[in-house]
């Protein structure tokens, strides 16, 4: 995916299992999620290192738009966490650019997601 990682701060102490051992992570801990590794999960994808756009489990991949607008969009549970934010940012950028179109003699236009 285009967004390869995300960062966060734990709001409260959290217990997690890592390699079969339980760890308690303290509140305030900085952490980073490596999203690009999600599509290399061998329990989810056969031969995860091989690019195969015809794989039967493709609807399990974390993608920018998954099945956006498709009839079976609900079959894509691993949608990119930044999808809606990127649509909002793109809409804001386009609307800002369009707000200056009157300087070019064009009537105001607004984009909507």
N, C-alpha and C. Protein backbone atom coordinates (compact mmCIF):
# COMPACT_ATOMS: atom_id res chain seq x y z
N UNK A 1 0.83 -1.20 0.00
CA UNK A 1 0.00 0.00 0.00
C UNK A 1 0.86 1.26 0.00
N UNK A 2 0.34 2.37 -0.49
CA UNK A 2 1.10 3.62 -0.50
C UNK A 2 1.49 4.08 0.90
N UNK A 3 0.63 3.87 1.88
CA UNK A 3 0.96 4.22 3.25
C UNK A 3 1.58 2.97 3.85
N UNK A 4 2.88 3.03 4.15
CA UNK A 4 3.57 1.83 4.61
C UNK A 4 3.62 1.68 6.12
N UNK A 5 3.36 2.77 6.85
CA UNK A 5 3.39 2.68 8.31
C UNK A 5 2.55 3.78 8.93
N UNK A 6 2.26 3.59 10.21
CA UNK A 6 1.52 4.60 10.96
C UNK A 6 2.07 4.59 12.38
N UNK A 7 1.96 5.69 13.07
CA UNK A 7 2.46 5.76 14.44
C UNK A 7 1.33 6.09 15.40
N UNK A 8 1.55 5.81 16.67
CA UNK A 8 0.54 6.10 17.67
C UNK A 8 1.15 6.11 19.05
N UNK A 9 0.33 6.46 20.03
CA UNK A 9 0.73 6.47 21.43
C UNK A 9 -0.35 5.70 22.19
N UNK A 10 0.06 4.74 23.00
CA UNK A 10 -0.93 3.98 23.78
C UNK A 10 -1.57 4.89 24.83
N UNK A 11 -2.88 4.93 24.86
CA UNK A 11 -3.60 5.76 25.83
C UNK A 11 -3.68 5.09 27.19
N UNK A 12 -3.57 3.76 27.20
CA UNK A 12 -3.62 3.03 28.46
C UNK A 12 -2.71 1.81 28.36
N UNK A 13 -2.33 1.26 29.50
CA UNK A 13 -1.50 0.05 29.49
C UNK A 13 -2.24 -1.04 28.73
N UNK A 14 -1.50 -1.80 27.94
CA UNK A 14 -2.10 -2.81 27.07
C UNK A 14 -1.30 -4.09 27.12
N UNK A 15 -1.97 -5.23 27.25
CA UNK A 15 -1.31 -6.53 27.22
C UNK A 15 -1.39 -7.08 25.79
N UNK A 16 -0.26 -7.58 25.30
CA UNK A 16 -0.21 -8.16 23.96
C UNK A 16 0.54 -9.48 24.01
N UNK A 17 0.25 -10.36 23.06
CA UNK A 17 0.97 -11.62 22.92
C UNK A 17 1.95 -11.46 21.77
N UNK A 18 3.23 -11.70 22.04
CA UNK A 18 4.26 -11.65 21.02
C UNK A 18 5.07 -12.94 21.09
N UNK A 19 5.05 -13.70 20.02
CA UNK A 19 5.76 -14.97 19.94
C UNK A 19 5.43 -15.86 21.14
N UNK A 20 4.15 -15.95 21.46
CA UNK A 20 3.69 -16.83 22.51
C UNK A 20 3.91 -16.35 23.94
N UNK A 21 4.38 -15.14 24.11
CA UNK A 21 4.63 -14.61 25.45
C UNK A 21 3.82 -13.32 25.64
N UNK A 22 3.23 -13.17 26.83
CA UNK A 22 2.44 -11.96 27.10
C UNK A 22 3.34 -10.84 27.64
N UNK A 23 3.14 -9.66 27.08
CA UNK A 23 3.87 -8.48 27.51
C UNK A 23 2.87 -7.40 27.87
N UNK A 24 3.21 -6.58 28.87
CA UNK A 24 2.38 -5.43 29.17
C UNK A 24 3.11 -4.18 28.70
N UNK A 25 2.46 -3.44 27.82
CA UNK A 25 3.02 -2.21 27.28
C UNK A 25 2.43 -1.04 28.07
N UNK A 26 3.27 -0.13 28.55
CA UNK A 26 2.78 0.96 29.41
C UNK A 26 2.04 2.05 28.63
N UNK A 27 1.15 2.73 29.31
CA UNK A 27 0.47 3.88 28.72
C UNK A 27 1.53 4.90 28.31
N UNK A 28 1.30 5.59 27.21
CA UNK A 28 2.23 6.60 26.73
C UNK A 28 3.32 6.06 25.82
N UNK A 29 3.36 4.74 25.63
CA UNK A 29 4.38 4.13 24.79
C UNK A 29 4.18 4.53 23.33
N UNK A 30 5.23 5.02 22.69
CA UNK A 30 5.17 5.32 21.26
C UNK A 30 5.27 4.01 20.50
N UNK A 31 4.49 3.87 19.44
CA UNK A 31 4.56 2.64 18.65
C UNK A 31 4.37 2.95 17.17
N UNK A 32 4.81 2.03 16.35
CA UNK A 32 4.68 2.19 14.91
C UNK A 32 4.13 0.88 14.34
N UNK A 33 3.19 1.00 13.44
CA UNK A 33 2.59 -0.14 12.77
C UNK A 33 3.16 -0.21 11.36
N UNK A 34 3.67 -1.35 10.99
CA UNK A 34 4.22 -1.53 9.64
C UNK A 34 3.11 -2.17 8.80
N UNK A 35 2.29 -1.33 8.19
CA UNK A 35 1.12 -1.79 7.45
C UNK A 35 1.49 -2.64 6.24
N UNK A 36 2.62 -2.33 5.61
CA UNK A 36 2.98 -3.04 4.39
C UNK A 36 3.21 -4.53 4.64
N UNK A 37 3.47 -4.91 5.88
CA UNK A 37 3.68 -6.33 6.19
C UNK A 37 2.36 -7.10 6.24
N UNK A 38 1.25 -6.41 6.36
CA UNK A 38 -0.05 -7.08 6.47
C UNK A 38 -0.35 -7.96 5.25
N UNK A 39 0.12 -7.55 4.09
CA UNK A 39 -0.14 -8.32 2.88
C UNK A 39 0.87 -9.43 2.66
N UNK A 40 1.74 -9.64 3.64
CA UNK A 40 2.72 -10.73 3.55
C UNK A 40 2.46 -11.78 4.63
N UNK A 41 1.25 -11.83 5.10
CA UNK A 41 0.84 -12.78 6.14
C UNK A 41 0.64 -14.15 5.49
N UNK A 42 1.53 -15.10 5.78
CA UNK A 42 1.46 -16.41 5.14
C UNK A 42 0.23 -17.21 5.58
N UNK A 43 -0.38 -16.85 6.72
CA UNK A 43 -1.60 -17.55 7.11
C UNK A 43 -2.80 -17.04 6.31
N UNK A 44 -2.63 -15.88 5.67
CA UNK A 44 -3.71 -15.28 4.88
C UNK A 44 -3.49 -15.48 3.38
N UNK A 45 -2.22 -15.49 2.96
CA UNK A 45 -1.90 -15.53 1.53
C UNK A 45 -0.88 -16.62 1.22
N UNK A 46 -1.21 -17.46 0.26
CA UNK A 46 -0.25 -18.45 -0.22
C UNK A 46 0.84 -17.72 -1.00
N UNK A 47 2.08 -18.05 -0.77
CA UNK A 47 3.23 -17.39 -1.42
C UNK A 47 3.10 -15.88 -1.32
N UNK A 48 3.08 -15.32 -0.11
CA UNK A 48 2.83 -13.89 0.07
C UNK A 48 3.86 -12.96 -0.56
N UNK A 49 5.07 -13.47 -0.85
CA UNK A 49 6.11 -12.62 -1.45
C UNK A 49 5.97 -12.53 -2.97
N UNK A 50 5.05 -13.32 -3.54
CA UNK A 50 4.87 -13.34 -4.99
C UNK A 50 3.73 -12.40 -5.38
N UNK A 51 3.99 -11.50 -6.32
CA UNK A 51 2.92 -10.62 -6.83
C UNK A 51 1.98 -11.46 -7.67
N UNK A 52 0.73 -11.55 -7.24
CA UNK A 52 -0.25 -12.37 -7.97
C UNK A 52 -1.61 -11.69 -7.89
N UNK A 53 -1.93 -10.83 -8.85
CA UNK A 53 -3.22 -10.13 -8.81
C UNK A 53 -4.42 -11.04 -9.04
N UNK A 54 -4.17 -12.31 -9.36
CA UNK A 54 -5.27 -13.27 -9.57
C UNK A 54 -5.48 -14.20 -8.38
N UNK A 55 -4.78 -13.95 -7.27
CA UNK A 55 -4.89 -14.86 -6.12
C UNK A 55 -6.32 -14.87 -5.59
N UNK A 56 -6.74 -16.04 -5.14
CA UNK A 56 -8.12 -16.21 -4.67
C UNK A 56 -8.44 -15.41 -3.42
N UNK A 57 -7.43 -15.10 -2.60
CA UNK A 57 -7.66 -14.36 -1.36
C UNK A 57 -7.33 -12.87 -1.51
N UNK A 58 -7.34 -12.37 -2.73
CA UNK A 58 -6.99 -10.97 -2.95
C UNK A 58 -7.89 -10.01 -2.17
N UNK A 59 -9.14 -10.41 -1.94
CA UNK A 59 -10.05 -9.53 -1.19
C UNK A 59 -9.67 -9.42 0.29
N UNK A 60 -8.64 -10.13 0.72
CA UNK A 60 -8.16 -10.02 2.09
C UNK A 60 -6.99 -9.04 2.21
N UNK A 61 -6.53 -8.50 1.09
CA UNK A 61 -5.38 -7.60 1.09
C UNK A 61 -5.74 -6.21 1.61
N UNK A 62 -4.78 -5.59 2.31
CA UNK A 62 -4.94 -4.19 2.70
C UNK A 62 -4.58 -3.38 1.46
N UNK A 63 -5.52 -2.60 0.97
CA UNK A 63 -5.29 -1.82 -0.24
C UNK A 63 -5.79 -0.40 -0.04
N UNK A 64 -5.39 0.47 -0.94
CA UNK A 64 -5.84 1.87 -0.88
C UNK A 64 -7.35 1.94 -0.99
N UNK A 65 -7.91 1.31 -1.99
CA UNK A 65 -9.36 1.43 -2.19
C UNK A 65 -10.09 0.11 -2.14
N UNK A 66 -9.39 -1.01 -2.02
CA UNK A 66 -10.07 -2.30 -1.91
C UNK A 66 -11.11 -2.45 -2.98
N UNK A 67 -12.32 -2.63 -2.56
CA UNK A 67 -13.43 -2.79 -3.49
C UNK A 67 -14.32 -1.57 -3.44
N UNK A 68 -13.74 -0.39 -3.32
CA UNK A 68 -14.49 0.85 -3.14
C UNK A 68 -15.64 0.95 -4.13
N UNK A 69 -16.85 0.98 -3.63
CA UNK A 69 -18.03 1.13 -4.46
C UNK A 69 -18.50 -0.16 -5.11
N UNK A 70 -17.76 -1.25 -4.98
CA UNK A 70 -18.16 -2.51 -5.59
C UNK A 70 -19.29 -3.15 -4.79
N UNK A 71 -20.03 -4.02 -5.42
CA UNK A 71 -21.13 -4.69 -4.74
C UNK A 71 -20.65 -5.51 -3.56
N UNK A 72 -19.45 -6.04 -3.65
CA UNK A 72 -18.93 -6.90 -2.58
C UNK A 72 -17.91 -6.18 -1.70
N UNK A 73 -18.03 -4.86 -1.56
CA UNK A 73 -17.06 -4.10 -0.78
C UNK A 73 -16.95 -4.61 0.65
N UNK A 74 -18.02 -5.13 1.21
CA UNK A 74 -17.97 -5.65 2.58
C UNK A 74 -17.11 -6.90 2.70
N UNK A 75 -16.69 -7.47 1.58
CA UNK A 75 -15.81 -8.64 1.60
C UNK A 75 -14.34 -8.24 1.74
N UNK A 76 -14.06 -6.95 1.85
CA UNK A 76 -12.69 -6.45 1.97
C UNK A 76 -12.47 -5.90 3.38
N UNK A 77 -12.35 -6.79 4.38
CA UNK A 77 -12.26 -6.33 5.77
C UNK A 77 -10.93 -5.69 6.12
N UNK A 78 -9.93 -5.79 5.26
CA UNK A 78 -8.61 -5.28 5.59
C UNK A 78 -8.31 -4.01 4.79
N UNK A 79 -9.29 -3.14 4.67
CA UNK A 79 -9.14 -1.91 3.90
C UNK A 79 -8.08 -1.01 4.53
N UNK A 80 -7.40 -0.25 3.72
CA UNK A 80 -6.35 0.65 4.20
C UNK A 80 -6.91 1.62 5.23
N UNK A 81 -6.27 1.72 6.40
CA UNK A 81 -6.77 2.62 7.43
C UNK A 81 -6.72 4.10 7.05
N UNK A 82 -5.94 4.46 6.05
CA UNK A 82 -5.85 5.85 5.64
C UNK A 82 -6.78 6.22 4.48
N UNK A 83 -7.59 5.28 4.03
CA UNK A 83 -8.45 5.50 2.86
C UNK A 83 -9.33 6.74 2.98
N UNK A 84 -10.11 6.83 4.03
CA UNK A 84 -11.05 7.95 4.15
C UNK A 84 -10.32 9.26 4.42
N UNK A 85 -9.24 9.19 5.17
CA UNK A 85 -8.46 10.41 5.41
C UNK A 85 -7.88 10.94 4.10
N UNK A 86 -7.36 10.05 3.26
CA UNK A 86 -6.77 10.50 2.00
C UNK A 86 -7.83 11.09 1.08
N UNK A 87 -9.05 10.55 1.10
CA UNK A 87 -10.13 11.13 0.30
C UNK A 87 -10.45 12.54 0.81
N UNK A 88 -10.51 12.71 2.14
CA UNK A 88 -10.78 14.03 2.71
C UNK A 88 -9.68 15.03 2.38
N UNK A 89 -8.41 14.60 2.47
CA UNK A 89 -7.29 15.50 2.16
C UNK A 89 -7.33 15.89 0.68
N UNK A 90 -7.56 14.93 -0.19
CA UNK A 90 -7.62 15.21 -1.63
C UNK A 90 -8.77 16.17 -1.94
N UNK A 91 -9.93 15.96 -1.32
CA UNK A 91 -11.07 16.85 -1.53
C UNK A 91 -10.74 18.27 -1.07
N UNK A 92 -10.07 18.40 0.08
CA UNK A 92 -9.70 19.74 0.59
C UNK A 92 -8.73 20.43 -0.36
N UNK A 93 -7.75 19.69 -0.87
CA UNK A 93 -6.76 20.27 -1.79
C UNK A 93 -7.44 20.73 -3.08
N UNK A 94 -8.31 19.89 -3.62
CA UNK A 94 -9.01 20.25 -4.86
C UNK A 94 -9.91 21.46 -4.64
N UNK A 95 -10.65 21.48 -3.52
CA UNK A 95 -11.53 22.61 -3.25
C UNK A 95 -10.73 23.90 -3.06
N UNK A 96 -9.57 23.80 -2.45
CA UNK A 96 -8.72 24.99 -2.31
C UNK A 96 -8.30 25.49 -3.70
N UNK A 97 -7.87 24.58 -4.55
CA UNK A 97 -7.45 24.97 -5.91
C UNK A 97 -8.64 25.56 -6.67
N UNK A 98 -9.79 24.93 -6.53
CA UNK A 98 -10.97 25.42 -7.26
C UNK A 98 -11.46 26.76 -6.73
N UNK A 99 -11.16 27.07 -5.48
CA UNK A 99 -11.60 28.35 -4.93
C UNK A 99 -10.91 29.52 -5.62
N UNK A 100 -9.84 29.25 -6.35
CA UNK A 100 -9.11 30.30 -7.06
C UNK A 100 -9.47 30.35 -8.55
N UNK A 101 -10.47 29.58 -8.96
CA UNK A 101 -10.83 29.55 -10.37
C UNK A 101 -11.46 30.85 -10.85
N UNK A 102 -12.06 31.65 -9.94
CA UNK A 102 -12.66 32.91 -10.35
C UNK A 102 -11.60 33.87 -10.91
N UNK A 103 -10.37 33.71 -10.42
CA UNK A 103 -9.27 34.52 -10.95
C UNK A 103 -9.00 34.20 -12.42
N UNK A 104 -9.43 33.02 -12.82
CA UNK A 104 -9.24 32.59 -14.21
C UNK A 104 -10.49 32.80 -15.05
N UNK A 105 -11.50 33.39 -14.44
CA UNK A 105 -12.75 33.63 -15.17
C UNK A 105 -13.66 32.44 -15.20
N UNK A 106 -13.47 31.50 -14.31
CA UNK A 106 -14.31 30.30 -14.25
C UNK A 106 -15.19 30.42 -13.01
N UNK A 107 -16.46 30.03 -13.15
CA UNK A 107 -17.36 30.08 -12.01
C UNK A 107 -16.95 29.06 -10.96
N UNK A 108 -17.26 29.34 -9.70
CA UNK A 108 -16.87 28.46 -8.58
C UNK A 108 -17.42 27.05 -8.76
N UNK A 109 -16.58 26.10 -8.50
CA UNK A 109 -16.91 24.68 -8.57
C UNK A 109 -16.47 24.08 -7.23
N UNK A 110 -17.20 23.09 -6.74
CA UNK A 110 -16.82 22.39 -5.50
C UNK A 110 -16.76 20.91 -5.74
N UNK A 111 -15.72 20.28 -5.20
CA UNK A 111 -15.60 18.83 -5.27
C UNK A 111 -16.23 18.22 -4.02
N UNK A 112 -16.86 17.10 -4.16
CA UNK A 112 -17.38 16.36 -3.01
C UNK A 112 -16.91 14.93 -3.12
N UNK A 113 -16.58 14.32 -1.98
CA UNK A 113 -16.08 12.93 -2.04
C UNK A 113 -17.18 11.97 -2.46
